[in-house]
Every structure is written in structure tokens, then in C-alpha cells.
Amino acid sequence: MDRLTGFGRREGCRDGGLLAVHAVKVTDIMSVDYDAAAHCYRGMVLREGAAVAGYRFDEGTAWYRQTAEGVPPLSKVSHEVEFDIAGVDGSSFRAVGELVAASETGIVLLVETAAGERLLVGWSPVFGGERPLRTYRCVADTFPAYDSDPRIGVAFRSEDTEFSYPFAGEFPF
């Protein structure tokens, strides 16, 4: 970057949180098309038989955070995604168990923000899939109150040297 370009406040929705999370095992990704001029991803090719899984969560329970530390070129960007799966039962435990198992080799998430942005998290132009997301916390909570909704919170983290970029292409699902 040769000069500062500034930033003007965006019009339209600026709500926080996530609307959708889709996951794919990093080992299922054959390639990701990154457009360096536009600073976005244009497409993804999965190995034959691979699938992308969607996760539904309660409104207001999902978020994505990127935190940069250090002075470039030695900076580090931490990526964290967290969401709650409703219920503490066999189906929710199975879904979380699959995510934890997939984290052994790593996962990549396509997250859609409440403001309509789609970001690819756990993949970068520099490292590809070498620094994918992994689960670092799962909490199943029945809560003590009768009128509380039981849930399982699952959290992912990865470290990279860049912020996540938008995904502007067709996602393979």
C-alpha cells in the first residue's frame, strides 16, 4: 500500500453478529481462487464427495472477531468464531462432536455477518489452509432456570498474518 485511502461510513445495515456459518474440512478443499486485485475470494473447489455443512444457531449467539497484534511484518492476526447450538441432546452433541473431530486437521468457515458480508475464515492467500480454525472451547449448559434454553457453545480460533477477506463467488453447497 503506497498511501492511505481513508474510509467513509457505510450506508445500510451495520448490525453486529452472524447470520450464518458454513463449515468445510480443510482437507476437503482442493483450491480457493483469490483475486489479489479485488482482495476477495472468487471460488472454491472441493474434492469429490466432500460437503459443506451449515450450522443453525440462536439469534444473538454468534460472532466473529479478528484481532491484530504486533508491528508488521511481524504482526499476528487472531481469528475467533463462536456460536451456540440450541439444545443439549443427542443431535446437538453429535453436531459439536463432528466439529471437534474435524478440528484435528482443521476447518474453514464461511461466515455471513448480519450486515451481509461473507468472509472466508481459516484460509488465507499467504498460508492457504496451513492455519485453519480449530475448536478451542465447547460448553454444554443446561442453565439452572426452568425457562432458560439449554445450548452448547462452540468456539474456534486460528492465527495468521492477515485479516479475512470477503468471499464474492459461489460457495459449493
Foldseek 3Di string as FASTA:
>chain_A
DPDDDDDDDDDDDPDFFFDWKKKWQLVQWPDWAADVVVQATAETDGDPPTDIDIADADPPFWHWDWDWDDDPPVIKIKIKIKGKHFDDDDVQVVVVVVQQVSLVRAMWMFTATPRGFTWIACADPVQGNPWHKHWDDWDWDPDDDPPDITIIMIMIMTMDRDDITTYPHDYDD
